[in-house]
Amino acid sequence: MKHVKHWIGKFVLTLFGWRVESCMLRPQKFVMIAAPHTSNWDLLFMLAAASVLGLRPSWIGKHTLFVFPLGLLLRSLGGIPIDRRSLHNTVEQIAQAFESSESLVIAVPPEGTRGSVRYWKSGFYQVARRAKVPIAMSFLDYPRKVAGVGEFLMPSGDVRADMERIREFYRDIIGKYPHNMSVPRLREEEEIV
């Protein structure tokens, strides 16, 4: 089945003129930033690139997307519905999933929406820090039609320094709709005195 998914992913990317780039290092467990997130097409290209790279990421989406019959398909593709209206301890739940798994990749679109936001949601950083796993900077660069996983960052706890490195990585990556892109910035950076 893994080979079938690989070839389906390769077919989809080739059909749309995309290619994949990836760093050689790939740990068994990591949080994957899925950015920039400006279009519904992002999910298709992310999943196709992940298949080519031999990854099976789980990903978090709005619970309203997971209605029948679409919900069945989305869950089979690694989707995890999250109700953002309620206050669940999502970070702790995902960190515990990392602790109990030998291999786990969670893809998180930190913008939380396809539109521009002032701050990224910090859950990806909090989960990686709590679970002691690296953060992978994955990307979809639409002008170049390149998808992939770039560098890995082990969160140090110095939020500003870590986010500076993330900003540097994403500086030249352009989403499908550039006007919907957000600067990688966490609210926690401004709260640090």
N, C-alpha and C. Protein backbone atom coordinates (compact mmCIF):
# COMPACT_ATOMS: atom_id res chain seq x y z
N MET A 1 0.83 -1.21 0.00
CA MET A 1 0.00 0.00 0.00
C MET A 1 0.87 1.26 0.00
N LYS A 2 2.02 1.19 0.70
CA LYS A 2 2.92 2.33 0.77
C LYS A 2 3.41 2.73 -0.62
N HIS A 3 3.72 1.71 -1.45
CA HIS A 3 4.19 1.99 -2.81
C HIS A 3 3.08 2.60 -3.67
N VAL A 4 1.87 2.13 -3.46
CA VAL A 4 0.73 2.66 -4.21
C VAL A 4 0.54 4.14 -3.87
N LYS A 5 0.59 4.48 -2.58
CA LYS A 5 0.43 5.88 -2.16
C LYS A 5 1.56 6.74 -2.73
N HIS A 6 2.78 6.18 -2.74
CA HIS A 6 3.93 6.90 -3.30
C HIS A 6 3.65 7.27 -4.75
N TRP A 7 3.20 6.30 -5.54
CA TRP A 7 2.98 6.55 -6.96
C TRP A 7 1.76 7.43 -7.20
N ILE A 8 0.75 7.33 -6.37
CA ILE A 8 -0.40 8.24 -6.50
C ILE A 8 0.05 9.67 -6.22
N GLY A 9 0.81 9.85 -5.12
CA GLY A 9 1.34 11.17 -4.79
C GLY A 9 2.20 11.73 -5.90
N LYS A 10 3.07 10.89 -6.45
CA LYS A 10 3.94 11.32 -7.55
C LYS A 10 3.12 11.71 -8.79
N PHE A 11 2.08 10.92 -9.07
CA PHE A 11 1.21 11.21 -10.21
C PHE A 11 0.52 12.57 -10.04
N VAL A 12 -0.03 12.81 -8.84
CA VAL A 12 -0.73 14.08 -8.57
C VAL A 12 0.22 15.25 -8.74
N LEU A 13 1.41 15.15 -8.14
CA LEU A 13 2.35 16.26 -8.25
C LEU A 13 2.80 16.48 -9.69
N THR A 14 3.07 15.40 -10.40
CA THR A 14 3.49 15.51 -11.80
C THR A 14 2.38 16.12 -12.65
N LEU A 15 1.15 15.70 -12.40
CA LEU A 15 0.00 16.22 -13.13
C LEU A 15 -0.10 17.74 -13.03
N PHE A 16 0.22 18.27 -11.85
CA PHE A 16 0.13 19.72 -11.63
C PHE A 16 1.48 20.43 -11.83
N GLY A 17 2.52 19.67 -12.21
CA GLY A 17 3.83 20.28 -12.48
C GLY A 17 4.68 20.54 -11.26
N TRP A 18 4.39 19.84 -10.16
CA TRP A 18 5.13 20.05 -8.91
C TRP A 18 6.26 19.04 -8.78
N ARG A 19 7.24 19.38 -7.93
CA ARG A 19 8.30 18.45 -7.55
C ARG A 19 8.52 18.56 -6.04
N VAL A 20 9.28 17.60 -5.52
CA VAL A 20 9.51 17.52 -4.07
C VAL A 20 10.99 17.72 -3.76
N GLU A 21 11.25 18.48 -2.69
CA GLU A 21 12.60 18.65 -2.14
C GLU A 21 12.51 18.30 -0.66
N SER A 22 13.56 17.66 -0.14
CA SER A 22 13.54 17.33 1.28
C SER A 22 14.96 17.18 1.80
N CYS A 23 15.14 17.56 3.07
CA CYS A 23 16.43 17.33 3.70
C CYS A 23 16.56 15.83 4.00
N MET A 24 17.77 15.37 4.15
CA MET A 24 18.01 13.94 4.34
C MET A 24 17.61 13.46 5.74
N LEU A 25 17.86 14.30 6.74
CA LEU A 25 17.56 13.94 8.13
C LEU A 25 16.05 13.82 8.30
N ARG A 26 15.60 12.71 8.88
CA ARG A 26 14.17 12.59 9.16
C ARG A 26 13.97 11.71 10.38
N PRO A 27 13.73 12.32 11.53
CA PRO A 27 13.48 11.53 12.74
C PRO A 27 12.15 10.77 12.64
N GLN A 28 11.94 9.84 13.56
CA GLN A 28 10.71 9.05 13.57
C GLN A 28 9.50 9.84 14.07
N LYS A 29 9.77 10.85 14.92
CA LYS A 29 8.68 11.64 15.49
C LYS A 29 8.99 13.11 15.34
N PHE A 30 8.02 13.87 14.82
CA PHE A 30 8.20 15.32 14.74
C PHE A 30 6.87 16.02 14.48
N VAL A 31 6.85 17.31 14.80
CA VAL A 31 5.73 18.18 14.48
C VAL A 31 6.12 18.88 13.18
N MET A 32 5.23 18.86 12.21
CA MET A 32 5.52 19.43 10.90
C MET A 32 4.69 20.69 10.68
N ILE A 33 5.37 21.83 10.54
CA ILE A 33 4.67 23.07 10.20
C ILE A 33 4.19 22.94 8.76
N ALA A 34 2.91 23.13 8.54
CA ALA A 34 2.33 23.11 7.19
C ALA A 34 2.05 24.55 6.80
N ALA A 35 3.02 25.17 6.11
CA ALA A 35 2.90 26.59 5.79
C ALA A 35 3.56 26.87 4.43
N PRO A 36 3.21 27.96 3.81
CA PRO A 36 2.07 28.80 4.16
C PRO A 36 0.75 28.12 3.78
N HIS A 37 -0.29 28.46 4.52
CA HIS A 37 -1.60 27.87 4.28
C HIS A 37 -2.53 28.98 3.78
N THR A 38 -2.70 29.05 2.46
CA THR A 38 -3.51 30.13 1.87
C THR A 38 -4.63 29.62 0.97
N SER A 39 -4.71 28.29 0.78
CA SER A 39 -5.65 27.74 -0.19
C SER A 39 -6.11 26.34 0.21
N ASN A 40 -7.29 25.96 -0.27
CA ASN A 40 -7.75 24.58 -0.06
C ASN A 40 -6.87 23.58 -0.79
N TRP A 41 -6.16 23.99 -1.83
CA TRP A 41 -5.26 23.11 -2.58
C TRP A 41 -4.09 22.64 -1.72
N ASP A 42 -3.77 23.37 -0.67
CA ASP A 42 -2.61 23.05 0.17
C ASP A 42 -2.67 21.62 0.70
N LEU A 43 -3.85 21.18 1.13
CA LEU A 43 -3.98 19.84 1.69
C LEU A 43 -3.64 18.78 0.65
N LEU A 44 -4.16 18.92 -0.55
CA LEU A 44 -3.87 17.95 -1.61
C LEU A 44 -2.36 17.86 -1.88
N PHE A 45 -1.71 19.01 -2.05
CA PHE A 45 -0.28 18.99 -2.37
C PHE A 45 0.55 18.52 -1.18
N MET A 46 0.13 18.87 0.05
CA MET A 46 0.86 18.38 1.23
C MET A 46 0.78 16.87 1.33
N LEU A 47 -0.42 16.32 1.15
CA LEU A 47 -0.58 14.87 1.26
C LEU A 47 0.15 14.14 0.13
N ALA A 48 0.13 14.71 -1.08
CA ALA A 48 0.84 14.09 -2.21
C ALA A 48 2.34 14.10 -1.95
N ALA A 49 2.88 15.23 -1.50
CA ALA A 49 4.32 15.32 -1.21
C ALA A 49 4.70 14.38 -0.07
N ALA A 50 3.86 14.31 0.96
CA ALA A 50 4.14 13.40 2.07
C ALA A 50 4.19 11.96 1.60
N SER A 51 3.29 11.58 0.70
CA SER A 51 3.28 10.21 0.16
C SER A 51 4.57 9.92 -0.60
N VAL A 52 5.01 10.87 -1.39
CA VAL A 52 6.26 10.69 -2.15
C VAL A 52 7.44 10.53 -1.18
N LEU A 53 7.41 11.27 -0.07
CA LEU A 53 8.50 11.21 0.91
C LEU A 53 8.37 10.02 1.87
N GLY A 54 7.30 9.25 1.73
CA GLY A 54 7.11 8.10 2.60
C GLY A 54 6.61 8.46 3.99
N LEU A 55 6.00 9.64 4.11
CA LEU A 55 5.43 10.09 5.38
C LEU A 55 3.93 9.85 5.39
N ARG A 56 3.41 9.59 6.58
CA ARG A 56 1.96 9.52 6.74
C ARG A 56 1.58 10.46 7.88
N PRO A 57 1.52 11.76 7.56
CA PRO A 57 1.24 12.70 8.64
C PRO A 57 -0.22 12.67 9.08
N SER A 58 -0.39 12.82 10.36
CA SER A 58 -1.72 13.12 10.87
C SER A 58 -1.81 14.64 10.83
N TRP A 59 -3.00 15.15 10.68
CA TRP A 59 -3.16 16.60 10.62
C TRP A 59 -4.45 16.99 11.31
N ILE A 60 -4.46 18.22 11.76
CA ILE A 60 -5.58 18.73 12.55
C ILE A 60 -6.40 19.67 11.67
N GLY A 61 -7.72 19.49 11.72
CA GLY A 61 -8.60 20.36 10.94
C GLY A 61 -9.83 20.74 11.74
N LYS A 62 -10.52 21.78 11.28
CA LYS A 62 -11.77 22.22 11.92
C LYS A 62 -12.77 21.08 11.95
N HIS A 63 -13.40 20.85 13.07
CA HIS A 63 -14.36 19.75 13.21
C HIS A 63 -15.50 19.83 12.19
N THR A 64 -15.81 21.05 11.73
CA THR A 64 -16.91 21.21 10.79
C THR A 64 -16.60 20.61 9.41
N LEU A 65 -15.32 20.35 9.13
CA LEU A 65 -14.94 19.71 7.86
C LEU A 65 -15.25 18.22 7.87
N PHE A 66 -15.39 17.63 9.06
CA PHE A 66 -15.45 16.18 9.19
C PHE A 66 -16.88 15.63 9.24
N VAL A 67 -17.78 16.23 8.48
CA VAL A 67 -19.15 15.73 8.42
C VAL A 67 -19.23 14.63 7.36
N PHE A 68 -20.19 13.75 7.54
CA PHE A 68 -20.38 12.63 6.60
C PHE A 68 -20.81 13.18 5.24
N PRO A 69 -20.33 12.68 4.15
CA PRO A 69 -19.40 11.57 3.95
C PRO A 69 -17.94 12.02 3.87
N LEU A 70 -17.71 13.36 3.71
CA LEU A 70 -16.34 13.87 3.57
C LEU A 70 -15.48 13.50 4.78
N GLY A 71 -16.09 13.47 5.97
CA GLY A 71 -15.35 13.15 7.18
C GLY A 71 -14.66 11.81 7.14
N LEU A 72 -15.31 10.82 6.53
CA LEU A 72 -14.70 9.48 6.41
C LEU A 72 -13.41 9.54 5.60
N LEU A 73 -13.46 10.25 4.49
CA LEU A 73 -12.27 10.40 3.64
C LEU A 73 -11.17 11.15 4.37
N LEU A 74 -11.53 12.27 5.01
CA LEU A 74 -10.52 13.08 5.69
C LEU A 74 -9.85 12.31 6.83
N ARG A 75 -10.62 11.53 7.57
CA ARG A 75 -10.03 10.72 8.65
C ARG A 75 -9.08 9.66 8.07
N SER A 76 -9.47 9.06 6.95
CA SER A 76 -8.61 8.04 6.33
C SER A 76 -7.31 8.64 5.81
N LEU A 77 -7.32 9.96 5.56
CA LEU A 77 -6.12 10.65 5.10
C LEU A 77 -5.31 11.24 6.26
N GLY A 78 -5.63 10.84 7.49
CA GLY A 78 -4.87 11.29 8.66
C GLY A 78 -5.47 12.45 9.41
N GLY A 79 -6.67 12.88 9.02
CA GLY A 79 -7.30 14.03 9.65
C GLY A 79 -7.78 13.76 11.07
N ILE A 80 -7.56 14.74 11.93
CA ILE A 80 -8.02 14.69 13.32
C ILE A 80 -8.89 15.93 13.54
N PRO A 81 -10.20 15.75 13.78
CA PRO A 81 -11.06 16.92 13.98
C PRO A 81 -10.82 17.58 15.33
N ILE A 82 -10.73 18.91 15.33
CA ILE A 82 -10.56 19.69 16.56
C ILE A 82 -11.66 20.74 16.60
N ASP A 83 -12.38 20.78 17.72
CA ASP A 83 -13.41 21.80 17.93
C ASP A 83 -12.74 22.98 18.62
N ARG A 84 -12.47 24.02 17.85
CA ARG A 84 -11.74 25.17 18.39
C ARG A 84 -12.60 26.04 19.30
N ARG A 85 -13.90 25.76 19.38
CA ARG A 85 -14.78 26.54 20.25
C ARG A 85 -14.67 26.10 21.69
N SER A 86 -14.25 24.84 21.91
CA SER A 86 -14.18 24.36 23.29
C SER A 86 -12.74 24.35 23.78
N LEU A 87 -12.59 24.43 25.07
CA LEU A 87 -11.26 24.51 25.67
C LEU A 87 -10.79 23.13 26.13
N HIS A 88 -10.27 22.36 25.22
CA HIS A 88 -9.70 21.06 25.55
C HIS A 88 -8.19 21.24 25.65
N ASN A 89 -7.52 20.36 26.34
CA ASN A 89 -6.07 20.44 26.44
C ASN A 89 -5.46 19.70 25.27
N THR A 90 -5.59 20.27 24.09
CA THR A 90 -5.13 19.65 22.86
C THR A 90 -3.62 19.43 22.87
N VAL A 91 -2.86 20.40 23.35
CA VAL A 91 -1.40 20.28 23.39
C VAL A 91 -0.99 19.06 24.20
N GLU A 92 -1.57 18.90 25.36
CA GLU A 92 -1.23 17.77 26.23
C GLU A 92 -1.63 16.44 25.58
N GLN A 93 -2.81 16.41 24.96
CA GLN A 93 -3.26 15.17 24.31
C GLN A 93 -2.32 14.75 23.18
N ILE A 94 -1.89 15.71 22.37
CA ILE A 94 -0.99 15.39 21.26
C ILE A 94 0.39 15.02 21.78
N ALA A 95 0.87 15.70 22.81
CA ALA A 95 2.17 15.36 23.41
C ALA A 95 2.15 13.93 23.95
N GLN A 96 1.05 13.54 24.57
CA GLN A 96 0.94 12.16 25.07
C GLN A 96 0.91 11.16 23.93
N ALA A 97 0.31 11.53 22.80
CA ALA A 97 0.30 10.65 21.63
C ALA A 97 1.74 10.43 21.14
N PHE A 98 2.57 11.46 21.18
CA PHE A 98 3.98 11.31 20.81
C PHE A 98 4.69 10.35 21.76
N GLU A 99 4.42 10.50 23.06
CA GLU A 99 5.08 9.66 24.06
C GLU A 99 4.73 8.19 23.89
N SER A 100 3.52 7.90 23.46
CA SER A 100 3.08 6.50 23.36
C SER A 100 3.28 5.91 21.96
N SER A 101 3.90 6.67 21.05
CA SER A 101 4.10 6.19 19.68
C SER A 101 5.59 6.02 19.37
N GLU A 102 5.90 5.01 18.58
CA GLU A 102 7.27 4.84 18.11
C GLU A 102 7.55 5.76 16.93
N SER A 103 6.52 6.04 16.15
CA SER A 103 6.66 6.87 14.96
C SER A 103 5.39 7.71 14.83
N LEU A 104 5.55 9.03 14.75
CA LEU A 104 4.38 9.90 14.63
C LEU A 104 4.80 11.23 14.01
N VAL A 105 4.02 11.66 13.04
CA VAL A 105 4.21 12.98 12.42
C VAL A 105 2.86 13.68 12.49
N ILE A 106 2.86 14.86 13.09
CA ILE A 106 1.64 15.67 13.16
C ILE A 106 1.89 16.93 12.34
N ALA A 107 1.10 17.13 11.30
CA ALA A 107 1.19 18.35 10.48
C ALA A 107 0.23 19.39 11.04
N VAL A 108 0.75 20.59 11.27
CA VAL A 108 -0.06 21.66 11.85
C VAL A 108 0.06 22.91 10.99
N PRO A 109 -1.07 23.42 10.49
CA PRO A 109 -1.04 24.72 9.81
C PRO A 109 -1.16 25.82 10.88
N PRO A 110 -0.06 26.43 11.31
CA PRO A 110 -0.11 27.33 12.46
C PRO A 110 -0.90 28.61 12.24
N GLU A 111 -1.20 28.94 10.97
CA GLU A 111 -2.05 30.12 10.76
C GLU A 111 -3.46 29.83 11.25
N GLY A 112 -3.87 28.55 11.20
CA GLY A 112 -5.19 28.17 11.67
C GLY A 112 -6.31 28.52 10.71
N THR A 113 -5.98 29.15 9.60
CA THR A 113 -6.96 29.57 8.62
C THR A 113 -6.22 29.83 7.31
N ARG A 114 -6.98 29.99 6.23
CA ARG A 114 -6.34 30.28 4.95
C ARG A 114 -6.12 31.78 4.74
N GLY A 115 -6.61 32.60 5.64
CA GLY A 115 -6.43 34.05 5.54
C GLY A 115 -5.25 34.52 6.35
N SER A 116 -4.90 35.77 6.17
CA SER A 116 -3.79 36.37 6.90
C SER A 116 -4.17 36.59 8.36
N VAL A 117 -3.23 36.29 9.26
CA VAL A 117 -3.45 36.50 10.69
C VAL A 117 -2.24 37.26 11.26
N ARG A 118 -2.47 37.95 12.36
CA ARG A 118 -1.37 38.69 12.98
C ARG A 118 -0.39 37.75 13.66
N TYR A 119 -0.92 36.69 14.29
CA TYR A 119 -0.08 35.73 15.00
C TYR A 119 -0.39 34.30 14.57
N TRP A 120 0.63 33.50 14.46
CA TRP A 120 0.45 32.07 14.30
C TRP A 120 -0.01 31.50 15.63
N LYS A 121 -0.75 30.42 15.60
CA LYS A 121 -1.11 29.70 16.82
C LYS A 121 0.13 28.94 17.29
N SER A 122 0.39 28.96 18.57
CA SER A 122 1.64 28.43 19.11
C SER A 122 1.59 26.94 19.44
N GLY A 123 0.47 26.27 19.15
CA GLY A 123 0.34 24.86 19.51
C GLY A 123 1.45 23.98 18.96
N PHE A 124 1.88 24.22 17.71
CA PHE A 124 2.95 23.41 17.13
C PHE A 124 4.22 23.49 17.98
N TYR A 125 4.52 24.70 18.47
CA TYR A 125 5.72 24.91 19.27
C TYR A 125 5.56 24.28 20.65
N GLN A 126 4.40 24.50 21.26
CA GLN A 126 4.14 23.94 22.59
C GLN A 126 4.16 22.42 22.59
N VAL A 127 3.55 21.80 21.57
CA VAL A 127 3.54 20.34 21.47
C VAL A 127 4.95 19.80 21.33
N ALA A 128 5.73 20.39 20.40
CA ALA A 128 7.10 19.92 20.16
C ALA A 128 7.94 20.06 21.43
N ARG A 129 7.80 21.17 22.10
CA ARG A 129 8.59 21.40 23.33
C ARG A 129 8.17 20.41 24.42
N ARG A 130 6.87 20.25 24.60
CA ARG A 130 6.37 19.35 25.65
C ARG A 130 6.73 17.89 25.35
N ALA A 131 6.66 17.48 24.08
CA ALA A 131 6.93 16.09 23.69
C ALA A 131 8.42 15.84 23.44
N LYS A 132 9.22 16.93 23.45
CA LYS A 132 10.67 16.82 23.19
C LYS A 132 10.95 16.20 21.82
N VAL A 133 10.23 16.72 20.82
CA VAL A 133 10.43 16.29 19.43
C VAL A 133 10.75 17.53 18.59
N PRO A 134 11.44 17.34 17.46
CA PRO A 134 11.77 18.49 16.62
C PRO A 134 10.57 19.01 15.83
N ILE A 135 10.75 20.21 15.34
CA ILE A 135 9.77 20.86 14.46
C ILE A 135 10.35 20.80 13.05
N ALA A 136 9.58 20.27 12.11
CA ALA A 136 9.99 20.23 10.70
C ALA A 136 9.35 21.40 9.99
N MET A 137 10.13 22.11 9.20
CA MET A 137 9.60 23.22 8.42
C MET A 137 9.28 22.71 7.03
N SER A 138 8.02 22.30 6.86
CA SER A 138 7.59 21.85 5.53
C SER A 138 7.03 23.06 4.79
N PHE A 139 6.92 22.93 3.49
CA PHE A 139 6.52 24.10 2.72
C PHE A 139 5.86 23.71 1.41
N LEU A 140 5.08 24.66 0.91
CA LEU A 140 4.51 24.61 -0.44
C LEU A 140 4.85 25.95 -1.08
N ASP A 141 5.79 25.95 -2.01
CA ASP A 141 6.21 27.18 -2.69
C ASP A 141 5.55 27.19 -4.07
N TYR A 142 4.44 27.88 -4.18
CA TYR A 142 3.63 27.85 -5.40
C TYR A 142 4.34 28.43 -6.63
N PRO A 143 5.05 29.56 -6.56
CA PRO A 143 5.70 30.06 -7.77
C PRO A 143 6.69 29.06 -8.37
N ARG A 144 7.43 28.36 -7.52
CA ARG A 144 8.40 27.37 -8.00
C ARG A 144 7.78 25.99 -8.18
N LYS A 145 6.55 25.79 -7.65
CA LYS A 145 5.87 24.50 -7.64
C LYS A 145 6.76 23.43 -7.00
N VAL A 146 7.21 23.74 -5.79
CA VAL A 146 8.05 22.83 -5.02
C VAL A 146 7.41 22.64 -3.66
N ALA A 147 7.30 21.38 -3.26
CA ALA A 147 6.79 21.03 -1.93
C ALA A 147 7.88 20.24 -1.23
N GLY A 148 7.91 20.30 0.09
CA GLY A 148 8.91 19.49 0.77
C GLY A 148 9.03 19.76 2.24
N VAL A 149 10.07 19.15 2.80
CA VAL A 149 10.42 19.34 4.20
C VAL A 149 11.83 19.90 4.20
N GLY A 150 11.98 21.09 4.76
CA GLY A 150 13.28 21.76 4.80
C GLY A 150 14.05 21.35 6.04
N GLU A 151 14.27 22.30 6.91
CA GLU A 151 15.06 22.01 8.10
C GLU A 151 14.23 21.53 9.27
N PHE A 152 14.96 21.01 10.26
CA PHE A 152 14.36 20.61 11.53
C PHE A 152 14.93 21.50 12.61
N LEU A 153 14.09 21.82 13.58
CA LEU A 153 14.49 22.67 14.69
C LEU A 153 14.02 22.03 15.98
N MET A 154 14.93 21.81 16.91
CA MET A 154 14.54 21.34 18.24
C MET A 154 14.26 22.59 19.06
N PRO A 155 13.02 22.76 19.53
CA PRO A 155 12.70 23.99 20.26
C PRO A 155 13.56 24.12 21.52
N SER A 156 14.15 25.30 21.67
CA SER A 156 15.08 25.54 22.78
C SER A 156 14.39 26.12 24.00
N GLY A 157 13.19 26.66 23.80
CA GLY A 157 12.52 27.38 24.88
C GLY A 157 12.70 28.88 24.71
N ASP A 158 13.70 29.29 23.92
CA ASP A 158 13.89 30.70 23.58
C ASP A 158 12.99 30.97 22.37
N VAL A 159 11.76 31.36 22.64
CA VAL A 159 10.75 31.48 21.60
C VAL A 159 11.18 32.45 20.51
N ARG A 160 11.72 33.59 20.90
CA ARG A 160 12.13 34.58 19.90
C ARG A 160 13.21 34.04 18.97
N ALA A 161 14.23 33.42 19.54
CA ALA A 161 15.33 32.89 18.72
C ALA A 161 14.83 31.78 17.80
N ASP A 162 14.01 30.89 18.33
CA ASP A 162 13.48 29.80 17.51
C ASP A 162 12.60 30.34 16.39
N MET A 163 11.75 31.31 16.70
CA MET A 163 10.87 31.88 15.68
C MET A 163 11.65 32.70 14.66
N GLU A 164 12.75 33.29 15.08
CA GLU A 164 13.59 34.02 14.12
C GLU A 164 14.13 33.05 13.07
N ARG A 165 14.52 31.88 13.51
CA ARG A 165 15.01 30.85 12.58
C ARG A 165 13.89 30.39 11.65
N ILE A 166 12.69 30.23 12.19
CA ILE A 166 11.54 29.83 11.38
C ILE A 166 11.19 30.92 10.37
N ARG A 167 11.20 32.19 10.81
CA ARG A 167 10.92 33.30 9.89
C ARG A 167 11.93 33.33 8.75
N GLU A 168 13.21 33.11 9.09
CA GLU A 168 14.25 33.10 8.07
C GLU A 168 13.99 32.01 7.04
N PHE A 169 13.59 30.82 7.51
CA PHE A 169 13.32 29.72 6.60
C PHE A 169 12.18 30.06 5.63
N TYR A 170 11.09 30.61 6.15
CA TYR A 170 9.90 30.87 5.33
C TYR A 170 9.95 32.20 4.56
N ARG A 171 11.01 32.97 4.74
CA ARG A 171 11.10 34.30 4.13
C ARG A 171 10.81 34.30 2.63
N ASP A 172 11.33 33.33 1.89
CA ASP A 172 11.17 33.32 0.43
C ASP A 172 10.17 32.28 -0.07
N ILE A 173 9.41 31.69 0.81
CA ILE A 173 8.39 30.70 0.44
C ILE A 173 7.08 31.45 0.21
N ILE A 174 6.46 31.22 -0.94
CA ILE A 174 5.24 31.96 -1.31
C ILE A 174 4.07 31.00 -1.49
N GLY A 175 2.96 31.30 -0.83
CA GLY A 175 1.75 30.49 -0.94
C GLY A 175 0.99 30.79 -2.22
N LYS A 176 -0.07 30.04 -2.45
CA LYS A 176 -0.90 30.22 -3.65
C LYS A 176 -1.46 31.64 -3.73
N TYR A 177 -1.92 32.16 -2.59
CA TYR A 177 -2.46 33.51 -2.52
C TYR A 177 -1.60 34.34 -1.58
N PRO A 178 -0.56 34.99 -2.11
CA PRO A 178 0.39 35.73 -1.25
C PRO A 178 -0.28 36.76 -0.34
N HIS A 179 -1.38 37.37 -0.77
CA HIS A 179 -2.06 38.36 0.06
C HIS A 179 -2.68 37.73 1.33
N ASN A 180 -2.80 36.40 1.36
CA ASN A 180 -3.33 35.71 2.54
C ASN A 180 -2.23 35.19 3.46
N MET A 181 -0.97 35.42 3.10
CA MET A 181 0.13 34.90 3.91
C MET A 181 0.32 35.72 5.18
N SER A 182 0.85 35.07 6.20
CA SER A 182 1.13 35.70 7.48
C SER A 182 2.61 35.57 7.82
N VAL A 183 3.14 36.56 8.49
CA VAL A 183 4.52 36.48 8.97
C VAL A 183 4.54 35.48 10.13
N PRO A 184 5.47 34.54 10.13
CA PRO A 184 5.55 33.59 11.25
C PRO A 184 5.90 34.32 12.56
N ARG A 185 4.90 34.57 13.37
CA ARG A 185 5.10 35.28 14.64
C ARG A 185 4.12 34.73 15.66
N LEU A 186 4.63 34.49 16.85
CA LEU A 186 3.78 34.02 17.95
C LEU A 186 3.51 35.16 18.92
N ARG A 187 2.32 35.17 19.48
CA ARG A 187 1.96 36.17 20.49
C ARG A 187 2.95 36.12 21.67
N GLU A 188 3.44 34.92 21.98
CA GLU A 188 4.37 34.74 23.09
C GLU A 188 5.66 35.54 22.91
N GLU A 189 6.03 35.84 21.68
CA GLU A 189 7.25 36.62 21.45
C GLU A 189 7.10 38.02 22.01
N GLU A 190 5.93 38.61 21.90
CA GLU A 190 5.70 39.97 22.39
C GLU A 190 5.46 39.99 23.90
N GLU A 191 5.06 38.85 24.46
CA GLU A 191 4.80 38.80 25.89
C GLU A 191 6.08 38.66 26.71
N ILE A 192 7.18 38.29 26.04
CA ILE A 192 8.47 38.13 26.72
C ILE A 192 9.04 39.51 26.98
N VAL A 193 9.38 39.78 28.21
CA VAL A 193 9.93 41.10 28.58
C VAL A 193 11.43 41.06 28.57
